[in-house]
Amino acid sequence: MSVHKDLIKHAEKQNKIYKMFLALDQQRESFIEEAVELCKHGSPFSTDKINEVTNKINKINLRFIPTRKNVTVDMIKDYVKNS
């Protein structure tokens, strides 16, 4: 019975971490969209918020979560130029 409880605890912990990842990943995508829109309109923008969230994502210790690249201003400009 103890092993069963340990497995349940472990699964709950993994699920909580995964939900945190999903929230952070959504936030990152939102910040990217915001930067893209600002860039499209010729407004100044920064990738600081994007990369802050990216670094949080990359610190999550789940094997099945791929690391994310930090985003540069040039990456956003290139994306806007090519889309």
Protein backbone atom coordinates (compact mmCIF):
# COMPACT_ATOMS: atom_id res chain seq x y z
CA MET A 1 0.00 0.00 0.00
CA SER A 2 2.88 2.38 0.73
CA VAL A 3 4.25 2.00 -2.80
CA HIS A 4 0.82 2.76 -4.20
CA LYS A 5 0.59 5.98 -2.16
CA ASP A 6 4.10 6.97 -3.24
CA LEU A 7 3.17 6.45 -6.88
CA ILE A 8 0.05 8.57 -6.45
CA LYS A 9 2.09 11.35 -4.81
CA HIS A 10 4.66 11.20 -7.59
CA ALA A 11 1.98 11.35 -10.30
CA GLU A 12 0.28 14.30 -8.60
CA LYS A 13 3.60 16.13 -8.38
CA GLN A 14 4.36 15.45 -12.06
CA ASN A 15 0.88 16.63 -13.02
CA LYS A 16 1.28 19.85 -11.03
CA ILE A 17 4.64 20.54 -12.69
CA TYR A 18 3.19 19.81 -16.13
CA LYS A 19 0.28 22.19 -15.53
CA MET A 20 2.80 24.86 -14.51
CA PHE A 21 4.69 24.21 -17.77
CA LEU A 22 1.49 24.57 -19.80
CA ALA A 23 0.69 27.90 -18.16
CA LEU A 24 4.21 29.21 -18.71
CA ASP A 25 4.26 28.00 -22.31
CA GLN A 26 0.97 29.78 -22.99
CA GLN A 27 2.32 32.93 -21.38
CA ARG A 28 5.46 32.70 -23.53
CA GLU A 29 3.38 32.37 -26.70
CA SER A 30 1.31 35.37 -25.64
CA PHE A 31 4.44 37.47 -25.13
CA ILE A 32 5.77 36.36 -28.53
CA GLU A 33 2.49 37.35 -30.21
CA GLU A 34 2.63 40.72 -28.45
CA ALA A 35 6.19 41.34 -29.68
CA VAL A 36 5.24 40.30 -33.22
CA GLU A 37 2.29 42.72 -33.27
CA LEU A 38 4.43 45.58 -31.96
CA CYS A 39 7.07 44.82 -34.56
CA LYS A 40 4.48 44.73 -37.36
CA HIS A 41 3.37 48.22 -36.38
CA GLY A 42 6.92 49.56 -36.14
CA SER A 43 6.63 50.03 -32.38
CA PRO A 44 9.53 49.37 -30.03
CA PHE A 45 9.49 45.98 -28.35
CA SER A 46 11.64 43.80 -26.15
CA THR A 47 12.11 40.07 -25.75
CA ASP A 48 12.88 40.32 -22.03
CA LYS A 49 9.50 38.98 -20.86
CA ILE A 50 9.65 36.16 -23.40
CA ASN A 51 13.09 35.08 -22.26
CA GLU A 52 12.23 35.39 -18.56
CA VAL A 53 9.42 32.87 -19.08
CA THR A 54 11.62 30.76 -21.36
CA ASN A 55 14.22 30.47 -18.61
CA LYS A 56 11.54 29.38 -16.13
CA ILE A 57 10.35 26.73 -18.58
CA ASN A 58 13.87 25.46 -19.11
CA LYS A 59 14.34 25.00 -15.36
CA ILE A 60 11.40 22.61 -15.16
CA ASN A 61 12.73 19.14 -14.61
CA LEU A 62 10.50 16.85 -16.65
CA ARG A 63 12.11 14.65 -19.28
CA PHE A 64 9.35 15.00 -21.83
CA ILE A 65 9.40 18.81 -21.87
CA PRO A 66 11.74 20.09 -24.57
CA THR A 67 13.85 23.12 -23.81
CA ARG A 68 12.90 26.38 -25.46
CA LYS A 69 15.29 28.77 -27.17
CA ASN A 70 15.69 32.31 -25.99
CA VAL A 71 14.24 34.77 -28.47
CA THR A 72 16.13 37.73 -29.88
CA VAL A 73 14.79 40.96 -31.33
CA ASP A 74 16.27 39.91 -34.68
CA MET A 75 14.35 36.63 -34.55
CA ILE A 76 11.08 38.55 -34.16
CA LYS A 77 12.00 40.95 -36.97
CA ASP A 78 12.91 38.05 -39.28
CA TYR A 79 9.65 36.29 -38.47
CA VAL A 80 7.62 39.42 -39.26
CA LYS A 81 9.58 40.07 -42.44
CA ASN A 82 9.06 36.51 -43.70
CA SER A 83 5.40 36.13 -42.78
